[in-house]
Amino acid sequence: MTTESISLELSPREVLGKKVKRLRRQGVIPVHLYGPGVDPQPLQCATTKLVDVLVRAGGNTAVTVTVQGGRETHLAFAREIQWSPRRDDILHVDFLAVDASRPVSAQVPITLIGDSPGARTAGGTVMQQLRDLNVEALPLEVPRELELDLSMLTEPDGVLRAADIVIPGNVTLLTDPEDVVVRIEVLRAVEEEVFTEEGAEASTESEDEPGAE
């Protein structure tokens, strides 16, 4: 699976402290880039551009970051996004710069594909208990997502575990392979309702029999 190439240019920021509220009103978000080989400095980015990169990259796709006026490029992951507690607005974003030659750990989302024969047989629903896998890989080889084929879930009481997900050879699974990812849940309330109705019918028939008190 090829990782999408995503680039982001940041600008030096002169507005500091509480005055950054003014920046946000102007459509600019404060950014912090940190990590090995990175000189700490206040940075910023236009909200629309930054949101587009965050949507495409998520937290597990490396972004090639440059700073306006500089020559260096940094491979970085979005590691912390600070949100407004009152509105769905981004207040601040931290990017962690990494070494392209050294493995990193990342949370990769699990995507379910296909249908479960076991769920159809049982009249149940596939319940996803684990939504991400913790993996280790080189920054540019971290998968954007990992797929789990539900067609392998053939038994009504079966489960699929982390070990059932196909992992690329250049990626190491850190999550416990025995962790349950999906299982089938049958609606017990429906079964109990049917049982109750059958019991009520049996009781009525008993009362209608001759000699019943």
Foldseek 3Di string as FASTA:
>chain_A
DFADAAEDEKEFDDDDDPRCVVVVVVQKAWEWEDEPPDDTGIIIDGNVSVVVRCVRQPQQAWYWYHYPPDDDIFTWGFDDWDADPVDRHTHYTYIYTDDQVDKDKDWAFEDEDEDALQCVVQVWDKDFDDGTFIKIARNRPGDNHWYAYNPVNHHQFDFAFLLRTDDDPRMGTPPDRRHTGIHTDHDVVVVVVVVVVVVVVVVVVQCPDPPRD
